[in-house]
């Protein structure tokens, strides 16, 4: 091991590797230290159930990676990455067997909504049209926007709660539930301020790009990202837990793809008392309970739209979804939770052997809850796909404790690196002119605990690297 680098990165999630790539492309010498025996953070693929069945253990559908302003500049397809685009990005089934589909075609999507058709186009049309004027501002730290007027118009729709936007634009319960399906990715109560922003951004991405995923597993995204980094001269050290800054090679900058709790546990950082206190006050959000299945056939959804969707949101009415997400914040579980289902093998035959299939799903749970909610998730799927349980060959479930063991950044099962409510959306991890800087001028945070937050987009790492370059490597 060499004892001198320009920058050392701790953690090999998408943000850590993105930070390393940005620095390496600047002509700097970098190394990544990863505690696990395999890189990728939560973006990994394993045979979790039966041999030959490939499951994405954490992140799975990656629209933010495909649409990322930084990752989109990288030649990842030259390093083996191939994107799969499901026919329908996502859908929402209902109790009567009907469903709404989010097609790439916005007009076709709106045509399903009856009297809410024009409202849907009024809500999403301008955002889809002007996405290129919004993406860099939305996927970065709070700053004066490049296009202030467009940003203001987005903010007027994004800052209210999902329930407020749903009630304002839509008359039909089905239309509201359809919007809630994307908004609930926020892991916030649907009456929380800014919860609508998630529904807006994710739906815009569905219309603009689709919701693609990597062929062969999300781990292939990590593999391509890492191979490109190595081609630039970067180095990664696996199975190396960092507990003391003093035991790392000398460098001008240290970038940590860790949440505040992990950073506070590292010796020798020489962070100020006040900064440590502020990090201790950082709040984590609700957790998830996640299942992978090996199946004998595709999920037998009643509705054909769901059978053609890469992602299916299960919440059979707007009220059901509102109650589900609200109960979690009070430490309780609804008997009919919002469930997010991903089905890859319908579109990617490399995921399962023969005529078999895989499926992946999770529901939100109270922070740190370790109960087994397999029955709740499978009951919800059964409502939209009778006979689903008969298709199960084997399952592998992960509660918040197992998710944390898989990736220590998943504190209490929080896959977003911290609660993404209005108080921590742009000011994570603390209110600071540069959220990536710490009180030690050599140490930076580059994880999803910094803006723009959770999601496989690499933008937290990119912006942290930009700040480190400005502070240390610009003449």
Protein backbone atom coordinates (compact mmCIF):
# COMPACT_ATOMS: atom_id res chain seq x y z
CA UNK A 1 0.00 0.00 0.00
CA UNK A 2 1.35 3.39 -0.98
CA UNK A 3 1.38 5.90 1.84
CA UNK A 4 0.40 9.02 -0.11
CA UNK A 5 -2.63 9.85 -2.28
CA UNK A 6 -4.30 13.08 -3.26
CA UNK A 7 -7.62 11.81 -1.90
CA UNK A 8 -8.85 8.78 0.01
CA UNK A 9 -12.47 7.65 -0.31
CA UNK A 10 -14.09 5.46 2.36
CA UNK A 11 -17.04 3.44 1.07
CA UNK A 12 -17.70 2.05 -2.41
CA UNK A 13 -21.37 2.79 -2.91
CA UNK A 14 -22.39 4.68 -6.02
CA UNK A 15 -21.55 7.97 -4.33
CA UNK A 16 -18.13 6.85 -3.15
CA UNK A 17 -17.14 5.54 -6.58
CA UNK A 18 -18.58 8.64 -8.28
CA UNK A 19 -16.51 10.88 -6.03
CA UNK A 20 -13.42 8.83 -6.81
CA UNK A 21 -14.08 8.98 -10.55
CA UNK A 22 -14.56 12.74 -10.49
CA UNK A 23 -11.27 13.19 -8.63
CA UNK A 24 -9.43 10.69 -10.81
CA UNK A 25 -10.66 12.46 -13.96
CA UNK A 26 -9.16 15.63 -12.51
CA UNK A 27 -5.77 13.94 -12.74
CA UNK A 28 -5.59 13.16 -9.01
CA UNK A 29 -4.46 9.92 -7.38
CA UNK A 30 -7.17 8.22 -5.34
CA UNK A 31 -7.89 5.01 -3.48
CA UNK A 32 -11.19 3.59 -2.16
CA UNK A 33 -11.40 1.59 1.06
CA UNK A 34 -14.41 -0.71 1.42
CA UNK A 35 -15.25 -2.70 4.56
CA UNK A 36 -17.11 -5.45 2.65
CA UNK A 37 -15.55 -8.22 0.60
CA UNK A 38 -17.52 -6.92 -2.39
CA UNK A 39 -17.99 -3.32 -3.60
CA UNK A 40 -21.20 -1.45 -4.27
CA UNK A 41 -22.81 -0.57 -0.95
CA UNK A 42 -26.49 -1.43 -1.44
CA UNK A 43 -26.17 -1.91 -5.20
CA UNK A 44 -25.28 -5.61 -5.32
CA UNK A 45 -26.65 -8.77 -6.89
CA UNK A 46 -26.47 -12.18 -5.21
CA UNK A 47 -28.03 -15.63 -5.44
CA UNK A 48 -30.00 -15.12 -2.26
CA UNK A 49 -32.57 -17.92 -2.66
CA UNK A 50 -31.60 -20.73 -5.03
CA UNK A 51 -28.65 -21.30 -7.39
CA UNK A 52 -29.09 -19.40 -10.65
CA UNK A 53 -31.64 -16.93 -9.26
CA UNK A 54 -30.07 -13.47 -9.29
CA UNK A 55 -31.50 -11.03 -6.75
CA UNK A 56 -30.72 -7.36 -6.20
CA UNK A 57 -30.15 -7.27 -2.47
CA UNK A 58 -30.58 -3.53 -2.12
CA UNK A 59 -31.12 -1.04 -4.94
CA UNK A 60 -32.82 -2.57 -7.94
CA UNK A 61 -34.67 -0.32 -10.40
CA UNK A 62 -32.30 2.57 -11.23
CA UNK A 63 -34.01 5.46 -13.08
CA UNK A 64 -31.95 8.03 -11.18
CA UNK A 65 -28.72 6.35 -12.27
CA UNK A 66 -29.78 6.42 -15.91
CA UNK A 67 -30.90 10.07 -15.65
CA UNK A 68 -27.99 11.27 -13.50
CA UNK A 69 -26.31 14.41 -14.90
CA UNK A 70 -22.93 13.01 -13.82
CA UNK A 71 -23.28 9.28 -14.41
CA UNK A 72 -24.73 10.02 -17.83
CA UNK A 73 -21.36 11.47 -18.87
CA UNK A 74 -19.52 8.23 -18.12
CA UNK A 75 -18.87 5.57 -20.82
CA UNK A 76 -20.31 2.77 -18.67
CA UNK A 77 -21.68 0.83 -21.65
CA UNK A 78 -18.06 0.43 -22.81
CA UNK A 79 -17.51 -1.47 -19.57
CA UNK A 80 -20.37 -3.93 -19.97
CA UNK A 81 -23.39 -2.04 -18.63
CA UNK A 82 -26.59 -2.78 -20.55
CA UNK A 83 -29.89 -1.17 -19.62
CA UNK A 84 -33.24 -3.00 -19.71
CA UNK A 85 -36.37 -0.92 -20.23
CA UNK A 86 -39.63 -2.57 -19.08
CA UNK A 87 -42.56 -1.99 -21.42
CA UNK A 88 -44.34 -0.10 -18.61
CA UNK A 89 -42.20 1.73 -16.03
CA UNK A 90 -44.72 1.28 -13.20
CA UNK A 91 -48.36 0.49 -12.57
CA UNK A 92 -50.96 0.63 -9.80
CA UNK A 93 -53.55 -2.16 -9.46
CA UNK A 94 -56.92 -1.85 -7.72
CA UNK A 95 -59.19 -4.24 -5.85
CA UNK A 96 -61.58 -4.71 -8.79
CA UNK A 97 -58.80 -6.05 -11.03
CA UNK A 98 -58.30 -2.81 -12.95
CA UNK A 99 -55.00 -0.91 -13.00
CA UNK A 100 -53.41 2.34 -14.09
CA UNK A 101 -50.12 2.26 -15.98
CA UNK A 102 -47.46 4.93 -16.21
CA UNK A 103 -46.39 4.66 -19.84
CA UNK A 104 -43.45 6.50 -21.34
CA UNK A 105 -46.10 8.29 -23.37
CA UNK A 106 -47.58 10.93 -21.05
CA UNK A 107 -50.71 11.42 -23.18
CA UNK A 108 -51.43 7.69 -23.16
CA UNK A 109 -51.04 7.68 -19.39
CA UNK A 110 -53.38 10.63 -18.97
CA UNK A 111 -55.99 9.03 -21.24
CA UNK A 112 -56.67 6.42 -18.53
CA UNK A 113 -57.69 9.05 -15.96
CA UNK A 114 -61.05 10.20 -17.29
CA UNK A 115 -61.97 13.61 -15.92
CA UNK A 116 -58.47 13.93 -14.38
CA UNK A 117 -56.81 13.72 -17.78
CA UNK A 118 -56.21 17.44 -18.28
CA UNK A 119 -55.12 17.93 -14.67
CA UNK A 120 -52.48 15.22 -15.07
CA UNK A 121 -51.11 16.88 -18.21
CA UNK A 122 -51.18 20.26 -16.49
CA UNK A 123 -49.24 18.85 -13.54
CA UNK A 124 -46.60 16.86 -15.38
CA UNK A 125 -46.43 18.36 -18.87
CA UNK A 126 -44.30 21.42 -18.01
CA UNK A 127 -42.00 19.36 -15.78
CA UNK A 128 -41.30 16.77 -18.46
CA UNK A 129 -40.77 19.48 -21.07
CA UNK A 130 -38.33 21.45 -18.90
CA UNK A 131 -36.56 18.61 -17.09
CA UNK A 132 -33.15 19.52 -18.58
CA UNK A 133 -33.54 22.95 -16.94
CA UNK A 134 -34.25 21.39 -13.57
CA UNK A 135 -32.20 18.23 -13.15
CA UNK A 136 -28.88 19.71 -12.04
CA UNK A 137 -30.51 22.06 -9.54
CA UNK A 138 -32.73 19.34 -8.08
CA UNK A 139 -29.89 16.83 -7.85
CA UNK A 140 -27.49 19.06 -5.97
CA UNK A 141 -27.04 21.33 -2.94
CA UNK A 142 -29.32 24.27 -2.43
CA UNK A 143 -28.03 27.18 -4.51
CA UNK A 144 -29.25 29.89 -6.83
CA UNK A 145 -30.83 27.93 -9.71
CA UNK A 146 -29.71 28.14 -13.31
CA UNK A 147 -33.29 28.78 -14.42
CA UNK A 148 -34.97 30.55 -11.48
CA UNK A 149 -38.45 30.78 -13.01
CA UNK A 150 -38.63 27.09 -13.89
CA UNK A 151 -37.23 26.16 -10.47
CA UNK A 152 -39.82 28.34 -8.72
CA UNK A 153 -42.67 26.71 -10.66
CA UNK A 154 -41.36 23.29 -9.70
CA UNK A 155 -41.04 24.35 -6.07
CA UNK A 156 -44.66 25.47 -5.91
CA UNK A 157 -45.66 21.90 -6.77
CA UNK A 158 -42.90 20.11 -4.86
CA UNK A 159 -43.00 21.78 -1.45
CA UNK A 160 -46.62 20.89 -0.57
CA UNK A 161 -47.50 17.43 0.66
CA UNK A 162 -48.43 14.64 -1.73
CA UNK A 163 -51.96 14.64 -0.30
CA UNK A 164 -52.31 18.38 -0.91
CA UNK A 165 -51.18 18.06 -4.54
CA UNK A 166 -53.32 14.97 -5.04
CA UNK A 167 -56.43 16.68 -3.70
CA UNK A 168 -55.76 19.87 -5.65
CA UNK A 169 -55.25 18.26 -9.05
CA UNK A 170 -57.29 15.07 -8.98
CA UNK A 171 -60.98 14.35 -8.44
CA UNK A 172 -60.82 10.55 -8.65
CA UNK A 173 -59.43 8.41 -5.84
CA UNK A 174 -57.68 6.18 -8.38
CA UNK A 175 -55.74 9.13 -9.79
CA UNK A 176 -54.63 10.15 -6.30
CA UNK A 177 -53.52 6.61 -5.48
CA UNK A 178 -51.59 6.48 -8.75
CA UNK A 179 -49.70 9.64 -7.76
CA UNK A 180 -49.19 8.35 -4.23
CA UNK A 181 -47.48 5.25 -5.59
CA UNK A 182 -44.46 7.35 -6.62
CA UNK A 183 -44.71 9.86 -3.77
CA UNK A 184 -44.55 7.09 -1.17
CA UNK A 185 -40.97 6.35 -2.23
CA UNK A 186 -40.17 9.28 0.06
CA UNK A 187 -40.81 7.03 3.10
CA UNK A 188 -42.69 9.99 4.58
CA UNK A 189 -46.32 10.37 5.60
CA UNK A 190 -48.17 11.53 2.51
CA UNK A 191 -49.35 14.63 4.35
CA UNK A 192 -45.74 15.72 5.04
CA UNK A 193 -44.40 18.81 3.35
CA UNK A 194 -42.24 18.07 0.28
CA UNK A 195 -43.48 14.46 -0.01
CA UNK A 196 -44.98 15.47 -3.36
CA UNK A 197 -41.48 16.16 -4.72
CA UNK A 198 -40.73 12.45 -4.88
CA UNK A 199 -43.92 11.71 -6.79
CA UNK A 200 -43.19 14.51 -9.23
CA UNK A 201 -39.55 13.62 -9.92
CA UNK A 202 -40.05 9.87 -10.21
CA UNK A 203 -43.07 10.22 -12.49
CA UNK A 204 -41.25 12.74 -14.68
CA UNK A 205 -38.35 10.29 -14.98
CA UNK A 206 -40.77 7.54 -16.00
CA UNK A 207 -42.11 9.69 -18.84
CA UNK A 208 -38.74 11.12 -19.80
CA UNK A 209 -36.50 8.05 -19.57
CA UNK A 210 -38.48 5.07 -18.31
CA UNK A 211 -37.46 3.19 -15.16
CA UNK A 212 -34.63 0.98 -16.42
CA UNK A 213 -32.45 -1.52 -14.60
CA UNK A 214 -29.11 -3.19 -15.47
CA UNK A 215 -29.23 -6.48 -17.36
CA UNK A 216 -28.00 -9.31 -15.17
CA UNK A 217 -28.49 -7.42 -11.93
CA UNK A 218 -27.86 -4.05 -10.31
CA UNK A 219 -24.44 -5.36 -9.35
CA UNK A 220 -23.46 -4.98 -13.01
CA UNK A 221 -23.94 -1.24 -12.65
CA UNK A 222 -21.44 -1.24 -9.79
CA UNK A 223 -19.09 -3.46 -11.80
CA UNK A 224 -19.12 -1.10 -14.79
CA UNK A 225 -18.66 1.95 -12.58
CA UNK A 226 -15.72 0.35 -10.80
CA UNK A 227 -14.08 -0.94 -13.98
CA UNK A 228 -14.22 2.55 -15.45
CA UNK A 229 -12.67 3.94 -12.26
CA UNK A 230 -9.84 1.40 -12.47
CA UNK A 231 -9.27 2.26 -16.13
CA UNK A 232 -8.52 5.81 -14.98
CA UNK A 233 -5.83 4.48 -12.65
CA UNK A 234 -7.94 4.30 -9.49
CA UNK A 235 -7.45 1.65 -6.83
CA UNK A 236 -9.87 -0.10 -4.45
CA UNK A 237 -9.07 -2.04 -1.28
CA UNK A 238 -11.80 -4.47 -0.18
CA UNK A 239 -12.43 -6.13 3.18
CA UNK A 240 -10.83 -3.21 4.99
CA UNK A 241 -12.81 -1.62 7.81
CA UNK A 242 -11.79 1.95 8.55
CA UNK A 243 -12.00 2.78 12.26
CA UNK A 244 -9.13 5.25 12.64
CA UNK A 245 -8.25 8.07 10.26
CA UNK A 246 -4.65 7.84 11.37
CA UNK A 247 -4.35 4.36 9.87
CA UNK A 248 -5.26 5.55 6.36
CA UNK A 249 -2.66 6.74 3.85
CA UNK A 250 -1.74 10.42 3.94
CA UNK A 251 -3.92 12.57 1.68
CA UNK A 252 -5.04 16.14 1.16
CA UNK A 253 -8.70 15.12 1.33
CA UNK A 254 -10.74 12.27 2.81
CA UNK A 255 -14.24 11.65 1.47
CA UNK A 256 -16.58 9.43 3.47
CA UNK A 257 -19.47 7.63 1.80
CA UNK A 258 -20.93 7.06 5.26
CA UNK A 259 -23.86 8.40 7.24
CA UNK A 260 -23.21 10.71 10.24
CA UNK A 261 -23.43 7.87 12.74
CA UNK A 262 -20.56 5.98 11.06
CA UNK A 263 -18.41 9.09 10.72
CA UNK A 264 -18.82 9.84 14.42
CA UNK A 265 -17.51 6.36 15.20
CA UNK A 266 -14.18 6.87 13.42
CA UNK A 267 -11.21 7.87 15.57
CA UNK A 268 -8.82 10.67 14.72
CA UNK A 269 -11.17 12.82 12.65
CA UNK A 270 -10.60 15.85 14.90
CA UNK A 271 -14.08 17.14 14.24
CA UNK A 272 -15.14 20.08 16.39
CA UNK A 273 -17.37 19.53 19.41
CA UNK A 274 -20.12 21.65 17.86
CA UNK A 275 -20.06 19.81 14.53
CA UNK A 276 -20.18 16.45 16.29
CA UNK A 277 -23.14 17.64 18.33
CA UNK A 278 -24.95 18.70 15.17
CA UNK A 279 -24.26 15.33 13.55
CA UNK A 280 -25.61 13.57 16.62
CA UNK A 281 -28.90 15.40 16.06
CA UNK A 282 -29.20 14.06 12.51
CA UNK A 283 -32.45 12.15 12.13
CA UNK A 284 -32.94 8.82 10.41
CA UNK A 285 -36.24 7.82 8.83
CA UNK A 286 -38.48 4.79 8.59
CA UNK A 287 -37.01 1.44 7.67
CA UNK A 288 -37.98 -1.25 5.21
CA UNK A 289 -38.71 -4.97 5.35
CA UNK A 290 -37.58 -6.58 2.12
CA UNK A 291 -38.14 -9.97 0.43
CA UNK A 292 -36.62 -11.74 -2.59
CA UNK A 293 -38.47 -14.65 -4.17
CA UNK A 294 -37.53 -17.46 -6.49
CA UNK A 295 -40.73 -18.20 -8.44
CA UNK A 296 -41.94 -20.99 -10.68
CA UNK A 297 -43.66 -18.47 -12.97
CA UNK A 298 -44.18 -14.71 -13.26
CA UNK A 299 -46.35 -13.07 -10.61
CA UNK A 300 -49.89 -13.86 -11.82
CA UNK A 301 -51.27 -10.34 -11.72
CA UNK A 302 -54.91 -10.13 -12.75
CA UNK A 303 -54.31 -7.06 -14.85
CA UNK A 304 -52.16 -7.23 -17.97
CA UNK A 305 -50.69 -3.77 -17.30
CA UNK A 306 -49.11 -5.06 -14.09
CA UNK A 307 -47.73 -8.09 -15.91
CA UNK A 308 -45.92 -5.72 -18.28
CA UNK A 309 -44.54 -3.41 -15.57
CA UNK A 310 -41.05 -3.41 -14.15
CA UNK A 311 -42.38 -1.91 -10.90
CA UNK A 312 -45.81 -2.33 -9.32
CA UNK A 313 -47.03 -0.13 -6.46
CA UNK A 314 -49.48 -1.89 -4.17
CA UNK A 315 -51.90 0.34 -2.29
CA UNK A 316 -55.48 -0.25 -3.31
CA UNK A 317 -56.86 3.18 -2.49
CA UNK A 318 -55.57 6.61 -1.64
CA UNK A 319 -56.83 6.26 1.93
CA UNK A 320 -55.16 2.88 2.37
CA UNK A 321 -51.82 4.36 1.37
CA UNK A 322 -52.25 7.45 3.54
CA UNK A 323 -52.99 5.28 6.58
CA UNK A 324 -50.12 2.90 5.83
CA UNK A 325 -47.47 5.62 5.68
CA UNK A 326 -48.92 7.56 8.61
CA UNK A 327 -49.03 4.56 10.95
CA UNK A 328 -45.32 3.90 10.46
CA UNK A 329 -44.41 7.33 11.83
CA UNK A 330 -46.27 6.39 15.02
CA UNK A 331 -44.42 3.11 15.39
CA UNK A 332 -47.26 0.97 14.09
CA UNK A 333 -47.93 -1.17 11.03
CA UNK A 334 -51.05 -1.19 8.91
CA UNK A 335 -52.47 -4.58 8.01
CA UNK A 336 -52.50 -3.40 4.39
CA UNK A 337 -49.14 -1.65 3.91
CA UNK A 338 -47.93 0.14 0.82
CA UNK A 339 -45.73 -2.39 -1.01
CA UNK A 340 -43.26 -1.75 -3.79
CA UNK A 341 -42.72 -4.75 -6.11
CA UNK A 342 -40.04 -5.15 -8.79
CA UNK A 343 -40.11 -7.93 -11.35
CA UNK A 344 -36.98 -8.20 -13.50
CA UNK A 345 -36.98 -11.66 -15.01
CA UNK A 346 -39.97 -10.90 -17.27
CA UNK A 347 -37.69 -8.54 -19.18
CA UNK A 348 -34.29 -10.08 -18.38
CA UNK A 349 -33.98 -13.83 -18.83
CA UNK A 350 -30.54 -13.88 -17.22
CA UNK A 351 -32.13 -13.44 -13.78
CA UNK A 352 -33.50 -16.97 -13.38
CA UNK A 353 -32.86 -20.43 -14.88
CA UNK A 354 -35.26 -22.09 -17.31
CA UNK A 355 -38.82 -20.82 -17.18
CA UNK A 356 -38.48 -19.66 -13.59
CA UNK A 357 -38.61 -16.08 -12.35
CA UNK A 358 -37.59 -13.72 -9.58
CA UNK A 359 -39.39 -10.96 -7.70
CA UNK A 360 -38.33 -8.33 -5.18
CA UNK A 361 -40.46 -6.27 -2.81
CA UNK A 362 -40.45 -4.23 0.34
CA UNK A 363 -42.78 -2.36 2.66
CA UNK A 364 -41.96 0.51 4.99
CA UNK A 365 -41.70 -0.26 8.70
CA UNK A 366 -41.03 1.81 11.83
CA UNK A 367 -37.38 2.73 12.27
CA UNK A 368 -35.44 -0.20 13.71
CA UNK A 369 -38.45 -2.56 13.72
CA UNK A 370 -37.27 -6.19 13.49
CA UNK A 371 -40.61 -7.98 13.07
CA UNK A 372 -41.22 -10.38 10.18
CA UNK A 373 -43.78 -8.89 7.78
CA UNK A 374 -43.59 -11.55 5.09
CA UNK A 375 -47.26 -12.36 5.52
CA UNK A 376 -48.34 -8.72 5.10
CA UNK A 377 -46.36 -8.25 1.88
CA UNK A 378 -47.47 -11.54 0.39
CA UNK A 379 -51.10 -10.89 1.32
CA UNK A 380 -50.96 -7.54 -0.49
CA UNK A 381 -49.50 -9.16 -3.62
CA UNK A 382 -52.12 -11.91 -3.43
CA UNK A 383 -54.88 -9.27 -3.59
CA UNK A 384 -53.63 -8.18 -7.03
CA UNK A 385 -52.31 -11.58 -8.10
CA UNK A 386 -54.34 -14.51 -6.71
CA UNK A 387 -52.23 -17.66 -6.64
CA UNK A 388 -48.96 -15.80 -6.08
CA UNK A 389 -48.10 -17.78 -2.96
CA UNK A 390 -48.38 -21.04 -4.91
CA UNK A 391 -45.60 -19.82 -7.25
CA UNK A 392 -43.02 -19.37 -4.50
CA UNK A 393 -40.10 -21.79 -4.65
CA UNK A 394 -38.09 -20.05 -1.95
CA UNK A 395 -37.91 -16.67 -0.27
CA UNK A 396 -35.21 -14.66 1.47
CA UNK A 397 -36.37 -11.92 3.83
CA UNK A 398 -34.40 -9.08 5.41
CA UNK A 399 -35.61 -7.03 8.36
CA UNK A 400 -33.97 -3.76 9.41
CA UNK A 401 -31.32 -5.59 11.44
CA UNK A 402 -30.27 -7.79 8.53
CA UNK A 403 -30.27 -4.83 6.16
CA UNK A 404 -27.93 -2.98 8.52
CA UNK A 405 -25.63 -6.01 8.65
CA UNK A 406 -25.66 -6.10 4.84
CA UNK A 407 -24.81 -2.38 4.61
CA UNK A 408 -23.93 -0.45 7.81
CA UNK A 409 -25.17 2.76 6.16
CA UNK A 410 -28.74 1.42 6.42
CA UNK A 411 -29.32 2.66 9.96
CA UNK A 412 -32.50 1.18 11.41
CA UNK A 413 -33.48 0.03 7.92
CA UNK A 414 -33.41 3.59 6.51
CA UNK A 415 -32.38 3.12 2.87
CA UNK A 416 -32.30 6.88 2.18
CA UNK A 417 -29.38 7.72 4.46
CA UNK A 418 -31.56 9.83 6.74
CA UNK A 419 -35.04 11.25 6.91
CA UNK A 420 -35.81 13.29 3.79
CA UNK A 421 -38.43 15.63 5.18
CA UNK A 422 -38.55 19.37 4.57
CA UNK A 423 -36.01 20.06 7.36
CA UNK A 424 -33.37 17.66 5.97
CA UNK A 425 -34.02 17.66 2.24
CA UNK A 426 -31.49 20.36 1.28
CA UNK A 427 -29.83 20.89 4.67
CA UNK A 428 -28.55 17.38 5.28
CA UNK A 429 -26.56 16.51 7.36
CA UNK A 430 -26.41 19.99 8.95
CA UNK A 431 -27.23 23.55 7.87
CA UNK A 432 -24.02 24.68 6.22
CA UNK A 433 -22.96 26.73 3.19
CA UNK A 434 -21.35 23.56 1.85
CA UNK A 435 -23.06 20.47 3.30
CA UNK A 436 -20.19 18.26 2.10
CA UNK A 437 -17.55 20.00 4.22
CA UNK A 438 -17.12 19.06 7.86
CA UNK A 439 -15.41 21.06 10.60
CA UNK A 440 -12.12 19.41 9.60
CA UNK A 441 -11.03 21.02 6.29
CA UNK A 442 -9.60 17.71 5.07
CA UNK A 443 -12.74 15.63 5.70
CA UNK A 444 -15.86 15.55 3.52
CA UNK A 445 -19.12 13.63 3.57
CA UNK A 446 -20.20 12.27 0.18
CA UNK A 447 -23.01 9.86 1.12
CA UNK A 448 -26.77 10.04 0.65
CA UNK A 449 -26.80 11.91 3.96
CA UNK A 450 -25.82 14.95 1.86
CA UNK A 451 -27.84 16.61 -0.94
CA UNK A 452 -29.62 15.47 -3.02
CA UNK A 453 -30.19 12.50 -0.73
CA UNK A 454 -31.11 8.87 -1.37
CA UNK A 455 -31.11 7.13 -4.72
CA UNK A 456 -28.47 5.61 -6.99
CA UNK A 457 -27.45 8.76 -8.85
CA UNK A 458 -23.89 9.45 -7.69
CA UNK A 459 -24.60 13.16 -7.35
CA UNK A 460 -23.72 13.35 -3.63
CA UNK A 461 -20.29 11.96 -4.44
CA UNK A 462 -19.88 14.19 -7.48
CA UNK A 463 -20.69 17.39 -5.58
CA UNK A 464 -18.50 16.43 -2.62
CA UNK A 465 -15.61 15.80 -5.03
CA UNK A 466 -16.26 19.15 -6.69
CA UNK A 467 -15.98 20.84 -3.30
CA UNK A 468 -12.76 18.99 -2.44
CA UNK A 469 -11.25 19.97 -5.81
CA UNK A 470 -12.16 23.59 -5.21
CA UNK A 471 -10.71 23.55 -1.69
CA UNK A 472 -7.49 21.62 -2.28
CA UNK A 473 -6.65 21.05 -5.91
CA UNK A 474 -7.38 24.28 -7.75
CA UNK A 475 -4.52 26.73 -8.25
